[in-house]
């Protein structure tokens, strides 16, 4: 059955749609933190559909909200009032930290970042944008122009004028071996140089991930982006925090990833876990920025009644069960296990990240050269042991580990035992 489906997939879908594993699997059912494939095999899910199944599979409160709304009406569009969309927007603006905030809903993080850059360039009357090397903001024509990762950027052509700041690995390249203080000093000098040399000075915005997702969970020191914002703010340059992967308590340190950075964002983009698997995303922005478009606009599917109902139920479940705190506690448990395994494996260059967003980077010994083959082998071994994880990094040599925020102590203990089996010793 799976082999037949794989052949059908290859016949009618693009070759550039990635599939994990030498023998790809079809996931047909989920329950809590576990999923089941078409052959009935159970896996502990520590990637959550790319950090999307945020509170777990088949959570009764979310299922009931979707079912009840679908039994009434599935779709109407933003041409009509949608109460669940308004309810979710109220919850998000209250938690955003942005004064006088408003929300525009979309269906994906790519579209959310598109909307944020449309708002920024319109509000500032400039097409100049600052982005971070090793970043990923989406697959659309606009977003690949601000994605600093060649593996995900098939074209360099864009209507935006993009200037780049250093970012990414601290194991190799310009940031290798820098202390936090030196990293901060270099970043500030880099930004001031970019403003003076590669822009006209009238920049619309900077867009940045608090932790780079596809880039392999790379992150700067705490407070780094806050220092950059102090340089940008006098110029009126807007700060867009891409919280598609870091939002809703995943880092364990705050509801948003930007809270560790000393930043006051002008806009936040969100997606992934907000609907616990439903197609739901959006932008939170200061009211004056959100209202700056001088034309009509709608969203056919963004904030649909069913997706927004899932979003409200997911949000309420997250708060009721204090899942941000669970991410902090269980993330610390996971990190201890990963670091213990890494201490016996010279091919692991670094364990990094925060909360339930942790990366394990594979390297070629003392040279620290990326080792993507070793990461692929670990990915396959984890699958064979009943654990699903992700992969990323500029060279595809980083394991991305991000279970649902509701993961239990017992499930984490099970996962750590598998990781120690998969990672302990030279790969």
Protein backbone atom coordinates (compact mmCIF):
# COMPACT_ATOMS: atom_id res chain seq x y z
CA UNK A 1 0.00 0.00 0.00
CA UNK A 2 2.73 2.48 0.99
CA UNK A 3 4.91 1.56 -2.02
CA UNK A 4 1.95 2.11 -4.35
CA UNK A 5 1.19 5.47 -2.72
CA UNK A 6 4.84 6.50 -3.07
CA UNK A 7 4.77 5.79 -6.81
CA UNK A 8 1.52 7.69 -7.21
CA UNK A 9 3.03 10.59 -5.22
CA UNK A 10 6.07 10.73 -7.49
CA UNK A 11 3.93 10.59 -10.61
CA UNK A 12 1.72 13.59 -9.86
CA UNK A 13 3.56 15.79 -7.31
CA UNK A 14 6.67 17.96 -7.81
CA UNK A 15 10.08 16.34 -7.42
CA UNK A 16 11.09 19.15 -5.06
CA UNK A 17 8.56 18.17 -2.38
CA UNK A 18 10.80 16.52 0.19
CA UNK A 19 9.96 13.16 1.75
CA UNK A 20 11.71 11.91 4.86
CA UNK A 21 13.32 8.46 5.07
CA UNK A 22 14.62 5.92 2.59
CA UNK A 23 11.24 4.25 2.96
CA UNK A 24 8.71 7.09 3.45
CA UNK A 25 5.79 6.50 5.79
CA UNK A 26 2.14 7.49 5.66
CA UNK A 27 0.80 8.72 8.99
CA UNK A 28 -2.86 7.79 9.28
CA UNK A 29 -3.76 8.36 12.93
CA UNK A 30 -2.60 10.27 15.99
CA UNK A 31 -3.26 10.12 19.71
CA UNK A 32 -1.65 12.45 22.20
CA UNK A 33 2.07 12.48 21.40
CA UNK A 34 1.94 9.30 19.30
CA UNK A 35 1.17 8.69 15.64
CA UNK A 36 0.51 5.50 13.68
CA UNK A 37 1.51 4.64 10.14
CA UNK A 38 -0.48 2.78 7.50
CA UNK A 39 0.96 -0.52 8.74
CA UNK A 40 -0.17 0.11 12.31
CA UNK A 41 3.26 0.89 13.72
CA UNK A 42 3.31 3.42 16.54
CA UNK A 43 5.83 6.27 16.75
CA UNK A 44 6.53 8.87 19.41
CA UNK A 45 6.09 12.13 17.50
CA UNK A 46 8.84 14.61 18.32
CA UNK A 47 8.41 16.83 15.27
CA UNK A 48 4.66 17.46 15.38
CA UNK A 49 4.11 17.98 11.66
CA UNK A 50 6.94 20.57 11.65
CA UNK A 51 6.16 22.12 15.06
CA UNK A 52 2.46 22.33 14.20
CA UNK A 53 0.65 19.77 16.36
CA UNK A 54 1.31 21.97 19.35
CA UNK A 55 -0.93 20.51 22.06
CA UNK A 56 -1.07 16.91 20.81
CA UNK A 57 -2.97 14.69 18.40
CA UNK A 58 -6.73 14.18 18.70
CA UNK A 59 -7.05 16.47 21.73
CA UNK A 60 -10.77 16.19 22.65
CA UNK A 61 -11.27 19.91 23.26
CA UNK A 62 -9.87 20.83 19.84
CA UNK A 63 -11.65 17.99 18.04
CA UNK A 64 -14.96 18.98 19.62
CA UNK A 65 -14.50 22.65 18.68
CA UNK A 66 -13.78 21.74 15.05
CA UNK A 67 -16.65 19.25 14.89
CA UNK A 68 -19.22 21.59 16.42
CA UNK A 69 -18.26 24.47 14.14
CA UNK A 70 -18.18 22.25 11.03
CA UNK A 71 -21.68 21.01 11.84
CA UNK A 72 -22.91 24.62 11.76
CA UNK A 73 -20.97 26.22 8.91
CA UNK A 74 -17.53 25.50 7.49
CA UNK A 75 -16.88 28.60 5.44
CA UNK A 76 -18.09 32.15 4.92
CA UNK A 77 -14.96 34.38 4.26
CA UNK A 78 -13.96 37.70 5.82
CA UNK A 79 -16.71 39.49 3.91
CA UNK A 80 -18.90 38.45 6.83
CA UNK A 81 -18.50 38.61 10.60
CA UNK A 82 -16.85 35.51 12.08
CA UNK A 83 -17.13 35.29 15.86
CA UNK A 84 -14.39 32.65 16.43
CA UNK A 85 -11.97 34.79 14.39
CA UNK A 86 -12.74 37.83 16.55
CA UNK A 87 -12.39 35.76 19.73
CA UNK A 88 -8.98 34.47 18.68
CA UNK A 89 -7.83 37.94 17.64
CA UNK A 90 -8.81 39.26 21.07
CA UNK A 91 -6.73 36.58 22.77
CA UNK A 92 -3.73 37.14 20.52
CA UNK A 93 -3.68 40.93 20.79
CA UNK A 94 -3.88 40.71 24.59
CA UNK A 95 -0.85 38.41 24.65
CA UNK A 96 1.13 40.13 21.92
CA UNK A 97 2.83 42.88 23.91
CA UNK A 98 2.05 45.25 21.03
CA UNK A 99 0.01 48.35 21.96
CA UNK A 100 -3.28 48.93 20.13
CA UNK A 101 -2.71 45.72 18.19
CA UNK A 102 -4.84 44.31 15.39
CA UNK A 103 -4.70 40.91 13.66
CA UNK A 104 -4.95 39.81 10.03
CA UNK A 105 -5.40 36.07 9.56
CA UNK A 106 -3.90 34.01 6.75
CA UNK A 107 -3.53 30.29 6.06
CA UNK A 108 0.26 29.81 6.36
CA UNK A 109 3.40 31.32 7.80
CA UNK A 110 4.59 32.15 4.29
CA UNK A 111 1.48 34.22 3.66
CA UNK A 112 1.73 35.81 7.12
CA UNK A 113 5.27 37.00 6.39
CA UNK A 114 4.15 38.24 2.96
CA UNK A 115 1.44 40.29 4.64
CA UNK A 116 3.87 41.66 7.23
CA UNK A 117 6.29 42.86 4.55
CA UNK A 118 3.41 44.34 2.54
CA UNK A 119 2.35 46.30 5.61
CA UNK A 120 5.91 47.39 6.42
CA UNK A 121 6.78 48.56 2.91
CA UNK A 122 3.44 50.35 2.56
CA UNK A 123 3.65 52.05 5.94
CA UNK A 124 7.26 53.11 5.44
CA UNK A 125 6.99 53.81 1.69
CA UNK A 126 10.18 51.85 1.10
CA UNK A 127 11.04 48.50 -0.45
CA UNK A 128 14.24 48.13 1.57
CA UNK A 129 14.33 45.28 4.08
CA UNK A 130 16.99 43.83 6.39
CA UNK A 131 17.12 40.06 6.83
CA UNK A 132 19.37 37.60 8.63
CA UNK A 133 21.68 35.06 7.01
CA UNK A 134 20.64 31.42 7.55
CA UNK A 135 17.00 32.47 7.96
CA UNK A 136 13.86 30.94 6.51
CA UNK A 137 10.59 32.85 6.15
CA UNK A 138 8.60 30.86 3.58
CA UNK A 139 8.41 29.45 0.08
CA UNK A 140 6.64 32.27 -1.82
CA UNK A 141 8.33 34.51 -4.38
CA UNK A 142 8.56 37.32 -1.81
CA UNK A 143 9.72 35.19 1.10
CA UNK A 144 12.55 33.42 -0.68
CA UNK A 145 14.07 36.88 -1.16
CA UNK A 146 14.45 37.26 2.61
CA UNK A 147 15.43 33.61 3.20
CA UNK A 148 19.17 33.39 3.80
CA UNK A 149 19.57 29.72 2.97
CA UNK A 150 20.53 28.67 -0.56
CA UNK A 151 18.89 25.26 -0.18
CA UNK A 152 15.50 26.98 0.09
CA UNK A 153 16.02 29.91 -2.32
CA UNK A 154 15.62 28.82 -5.97
CA UNK A 155 15.64 32.43 -7.20
CA UNK A 156 17.37 35.63 -6.10
CA UNK A 157 15.06 37.92 -8.06
CA UNK A 158 12.76 40.11 -5.98
CA UNK A 159 10.92 43.39 -5.84
CA UNK A 160 12.48 43.95 -2.43
CA UNK A 161 15.90 45.44 -1.86
CA UNK A 162 17.35 43.13 0.80
CA UNK A 163 20.42 43.75 2.95
CA UNK A 164 21.84 40.93 5.06
CA UNK A 165 23.12 40.69 8.62
CA UNK A 166 25.31 37.90 9.97
CA UNK A 167 23.52 34.98 11.56
CA UNK A 168 23.55 31.22 11.82
CA UNK A 169 26.14 28.77 13.07
CA UNK A 170 28.50 29.66 15.88
CA UNK A 171 30.58 26.55 15.14
CA UNK A 172 32.07 27.80 11.86
CA UNK A 173 32.14 30.90 9.68
CA UNK A 174 32.29 34.56 10.80
CA UNK A 175 30.61 33.86 14.16
CA UNK A 176 32.72 30.87 15.15
CA UNK A 177 34.09 30.92 18.68
CA UNK A 178 32.71 34.35 19.58
CA UNK A 179 31.74 35.01 23.17
CA UNK A 180 28.27 36.45 23.73
CA UNK A 181 29.79 39.89 24.25
CA UNK A 182 31.86 39.67 21.06
CA UNK A 183 28.86 38.34 19.12
CA UNK A 184 26.83 41.32 20.30
CA UNK A 185 29.56 43.83 19.42
CA UNK A 186 30.01 42.29 15.98
CA UNK A 187 26.27 42.34 15.31
CA UNK A 188 25.93 46.01 16.19
CA UNK A 189 28.93 46.94 14.04
CA UNK A 190 27.57 44.81 11.20
CA UNK A 191 24.18 46.54 11.35
CA UNK A 192 25.65 50.03 11.43
CA UNK A 193 27.85 49.16 8.45
CA UNK A 194 24.91 47.74 6.49
CA UNK A 195 22.82 50.85 7.14
CA UNK A 196 25.67 53.05 5.92
CA UNK A 197 26.74 51.03 2.88
CA UNK A 198 23.95 48.91 1.39
CA UNK A 199 20.82 51.00 2.00
CA UNK A 200 19.68 54.54 1.29
CA UNK A 201 18.88 54.79 5.01
CA UNK A 202 15.13 54.69 4.45
CA UNK A 203 14.65 51.03 5.39
CA UNK A 204 11.15 49.64 5.91
CA UNK A 205 11.81 46.82 8.37
CA UNK A 206 13.98 44.07 9.71
CA UNK A 207 12.52 40.56 9.80
CA UNK A 208 14.07 38.03 12.16
CA UNK A 209 13.36 34.69 13.83
CA UNK A 210 14.22 34.61 17.56
CA UNK A 211 15.48 31.07 16.88
CA UNK A 212 16.13 30.09 13.28
CA UNK A 213 13.87 27.15 12.52
CA UNK A 214 14.78 25.61 9.17
CA UNK A 215 18.28 27.01 9.72
CA UNK A 216 18.87 24.37 12.39
CA UNK A 217 17.62 26.04 15.60
CA UNK A 218 20.51 28.51 15.63
CA UNK A 219 20.09 31.45 18.00
CA UNK A 220 21.98 34.54 19.12
CA UNK A 221 22.67 35.52 22.73
CA UNK A 222 19.71 36.77 24.75
CA UNK A 223 19.18 40.50 24.27
CA UNK A 224 20.89 40.56 20.87
CA UNK A 225 17.95 41.72 18.79
CA UNK A 226 17.03 44.27 21.45
CA UNK A 227 20.44 45.88 20.96
CA UNK A 228 19.89 45.93 17.20
CA UNK A 229 16.46 47.48 17.65
CA UNK A 230 18.03 50.34 19.62
CA UNK A 231 20.04 51.15 16.50
CA UNK A 232 17.06 50.75 14.16
CA UNK A 233 14.40 52.59 16.16
CA UNK A 234 15.74 56.16 15.69
CA UNK A 235 15.47 55.58 11.93
CA UNK A 236 11.84 54.49 12.24
CA UNK A 237 12.71 50.99 10.97
CA UNK A 238 10.04 48.47 11.94
CA UNK A 239 10.81 45.21 13.75
CA UNK A 240 9.02 42.07 12.52
CA UNK A 241 9.40 39.06 14.82
CA UNK A 242 8.79 35.84 12.87
CA UNK A 243 7.27 33.65 15.59
CA UNK A 244 6.00 30.95 13.25
CA UNK A 245 8.05 28.34 15.12
CA UNK A 246 8.93 30.05 18.42
CA UNK A 247 5.47 31.33 19.39
CA UNK A 248 2.96 30.19 22.02
CA UNK A 249 5.43 29.17 24.72
CA UNK A 250 7.58 26.68 22.82
CA UNK A 251 10.84 28.14 24.14
CA UNK A 252 9.61 27.80 27.74
CA UNK A 253 10.93 31.28 28.59
CA UNK A 254 8.05 33.37 27.31
CA UNK A 255 4.85 33.21 25.33
CA UNK A 256 6.84 34.61 22.37
CA UNK A 257 10.46 34.02 21.46
CA UNK A 258 11.12 37.76 21.24
CA UNK A 259 10.69 38.10 25.01
CA UNK A 260 14.22 36.76 25.56
CA UNK A 261 15.59 39.36 23.18
CA UNK A 262 14.55 42.61 24.87
CA UNK A 263 12.59 43.55 21.76
CA UNK A 264 9.35 45.49 21.41
CA UNK A 265 8.09 44.24 18.05
CA UNK A 266 6.01 46.34 15.71
CA UNK A 267 4.68 43.16 14.13
CA UNK A 268 4.53 39.47 15.02
CA UNK A 269 3.89 36.74 12.49
CA UNK A 270 2.50 33.42 13.70
CA UNK A 271 1.40 30.09 12.20
CA UNK A 272 2.25 26.42 12.81
CA UNK A 273 0.83 25.51 16.23
CA UNK A 274 -1.84 28.20 16.52
CA UNK A 275 -4.51 25.91 15.06
CA UNK A 276 -2.94 22.63 16.20
CA UNK A 277 -2.85 21.41 12.61
CA UNK A 278 -5.56 23.52 10.98
CA UNK A 279 -4.47 25.92 8.22
CA UNK A 280 -4.25 29.07 10.31
CA UNK A 281 -1.69 31.87 10.58
CA UNK A 282 -1.49 35.64 10.63
CA UNK A 283 0.07 38.96 11.54
CA UNK A 284 -0.30 40.98 14.71
CA UNK A 285 0.63 44.64 14.19
CA UNK A 286 0.26 48.06 15.72
CA UNK A 287 -3.08 49.47 14.68
CA UNK A 288 -1.60 52.33 12.66
CA UNK A 289 0.53 49.88 10.68
CA UNK A 290 -2.29 47.38 10.13
CA UNK A 291 -4.61 50.13 8.95
CA UNK A 292 -2.06 51.70 6.60
CA UNK A 293 -3.21 49.85 3.48
CA UNK A 294 -5.16 52.31 1.36
CA UNK A 295 -7.06 49.68 -0.60
CA UNK A 296 -9.65 47.01 0.01
CA UNK A 297 -8.53 43.51 0.91
CA UNK A 298 -10.05 40.25 2.09
CA UNK A 299 -8.97 36.75 2.98
CA UNK A 300 -11.05 33.96 1.51
CA UNK A 301 -9.73 31.30 3.87
CA UNK A 302 -7.74 33.15 6.55
CA UNK A 303 -9.49 32.97 9.92
CA UNK A 304 -12.20 30.64 8.61
CA UNK A 305 -14.86 29.62 11.15
CA UNK A 306 -13.48 26.08 11.53
CA UNK A 307 -9.80 27.04 11.67
CA UNK A 308 -10.45 29.92 14.08
CA UNK A 309 -12.53 27.65 16.33
CA UNK A 310 -9.58 25.26 16.45
CA UNK A 311 -7.35 28.25 17.25
CA UNK A 312 -9.52 29.37 20.18
CA UNK A 313 -9.67 25.84 21.58
CA UNK A 314 -5.91 25.36 21.16
CA UNK A 315 -5.13 28.70 22.79
CA UNK A 316 -7.40 27.99 25.75
CA UNK A 317 -5.97 24.48 26.19
CA UNK A 318 -2.44 25.90 26.13
CA UNK A 319 -3.23 28.41 28.87
CA UNK A 320 -5.38 26.09 30.99
CA UNK A 321 -2.68 23.42 31.11
CA UNK A 322 0.23 25.88 31.50
CA UNK A 323 2.07 24.31 28.57
CA UNK A 324 4.70 27.04 28.45
CA UNK A 325 5.91 25.89 31.85
CA UNK A 326 5.72 22.28 30.71
CA UNK A 327 7.90 23.20 27.73
CA UNK A 328 10.47 24.66 30.12
CA UNK A 329 10.52 21.63 32.44
CA UNK A 330 10.35 18.90 29.81
CA UNK A 331 12.77 20.83 27.60
CA UNK A 332 15.34 20.83 30.40
CA UNK A 333 14.83 17.07 30.81
CA UNK A 334 15.36 16.55 27.09
CA UNK A 335 18.42 18.77 26.95
CA UNK A 336 20.09 16.90 29.79
CA UNK A 337 19.55 13.64 27.95
CA UNK A 338 20.83 15.00 24.63
CA UNK A 339 23.92 16.55 26.22
CA UNK A 340 24.69 13.31 28.02
CA UNK A 341 24.47 11.39 24.74
CA UNK A 342 26.54 14.05 22.95
CA UNK A 343 29.28 13.82 25.55
CA UNK A 344 30.06 10.30 24.29
CA UNK A 345 29.88 11.19 20.60
CA UNK A 346 32.66 13.30 19.01
CA UNK A 347 30.60 13.78 15.85
CA UNK A 348 28.07 15.94 17.70
CA UNK A 349 29.31 19.50 17.55
CA UNK A 350 26.57 21.20 19.53
CA UNK A 351 23.25 20.77 21.31
CA UNK A 352 21.37 24.07 21.24
CA UNK A 353 17.98 25.75 21.42
CA UNK A 354 15.44 26.47 24.13
CA UNK A 355 12.53 24.66 25.71
CA UNK A 356 11.01 22.13 23.33
CA UNK A 357 12.91 23.47 20.33
CA UNK A 358 16.30 21.76 20.42
CA UNK A 359 18.86 21.02 17.72
CA UNK A 360 21.68 18.48 17.54
CA UNK A 361 24.38 19.37 14.98
CA UNK A 362 26.59 16.68 13.45
CA UNK A 363 30.15 17.56 12.41
CA UNK A 364 33.26 15.89 11.02
CA UNK A 365 35.28 15.72 14.23
CA UNK A 366 37.71 18.52 15.07
CA UNK A 367 37.27 20.22 11.69
CA UNK A 368 33.66 21.03 12.60
CA UNK A 369 32.74 20.55 8.92
CA UNK A 370 29.03 19.75 8.48
CA UNK A 371 28.21 16.03 8.45
CA UNK A 372 24.78 15.65 6.76
CA UNK A 373 25.23 11.91 6.19
CA UNK A 374 25.54 11.36 9.93
CA UNK A 375 22.38 13.37 10.54
CA UNK A 376 20.53 11.29 7.96
CA UNK A 377 21.71 8.10 9.61
CA UNK A 378 20.52 9.31 13.01
CA UNK A 379 17.15 10.30 11.52
CA UNK A 380 16.73 6.80 10.12
CA UNK A 381 17.83 5.09 13.34
CA UNK A 382 15.39 7.17 15.36
CA UNK A 383 12.56 6.14 13.04
CA UNK A 384 13.56 2.48 13.35
CA UNK A 385 13.43 2.88 17.14
CA UNK A 386 9.94 4.39 16.98
CA UNK A 387 10.77 8.11 17.21
CA UNK A 388 10.01 10.77 14.59
CA UNK A 389 12.20 13.90 14.53
CA UNK A 390 13.10 16.54 11.95
CA UNK A 391 16.17 17.78 10.16
CA UNK A 392 17.52 21.16 9.08
CA UNK A 393 20.52 23.43 9.04
CA UNK A 394 22.32 25.10 6.16
CA UNK A 395 23.88 21.76 5.21
CA UNK A 396 21.11 19.46 6.43
CA UNK A 397 23.28 18.26 9.29
CA UNK A 398 21.10 19.23 12.27
CA UNK A 399 18.42 17.15 13.97
CA UNK A 400 15.40 19.29 14.85
CA UNK A 401 13.55 18.07 17.93
CA UNK A 402 10.22 19.70 18.79
CA UNK A 403 7.53 17.53 20.41
CA UNK A 404 4.04 18.78 21.30
CA UNK A 405 4.12 21.09 24.31
CA UNK A 406 1.93 18.63 26.20
CA UNK A 407 4.60 15.90 26.25
CA UNK A 408 4.68 14.06 29.58
CA UNK A 409 7.60 13.14 31.83
CA UNK A 410 7.13 9.45 30.98
CA UNK A 411 7.09 10.13 27.24
CA UNK A 412 10.18 12.28 27.53
CA UNK A 413 11.95 9.53 29.45
CA UNK A 414 11.07 7.14 26.62
CA UNK A 415 12.39 9.59 24.03
CA UNK A 416 15.62 10.28 25.93
CA UNK A 417 16.33 6.55 26.09
CA UNK A 418 15.93 6.34 22.32
CA UNK A 419 18.15 9.37 21.79
CA UNK A 420 20.86 7.87 23.96
CA UNK A 421 20.66 4.72 21.85
CA UNK A 422 20.69 6.69 18.57
CA UNK A 423 23.29 9.29 19.51
CA UNK A 424 25.47 7.63 22.13
CA UNK A 425 28.81 6.75 20.58
CA UNK A 426 30.32 7.55 17.21
CA UNK A 427 27.75 7.40 14.40
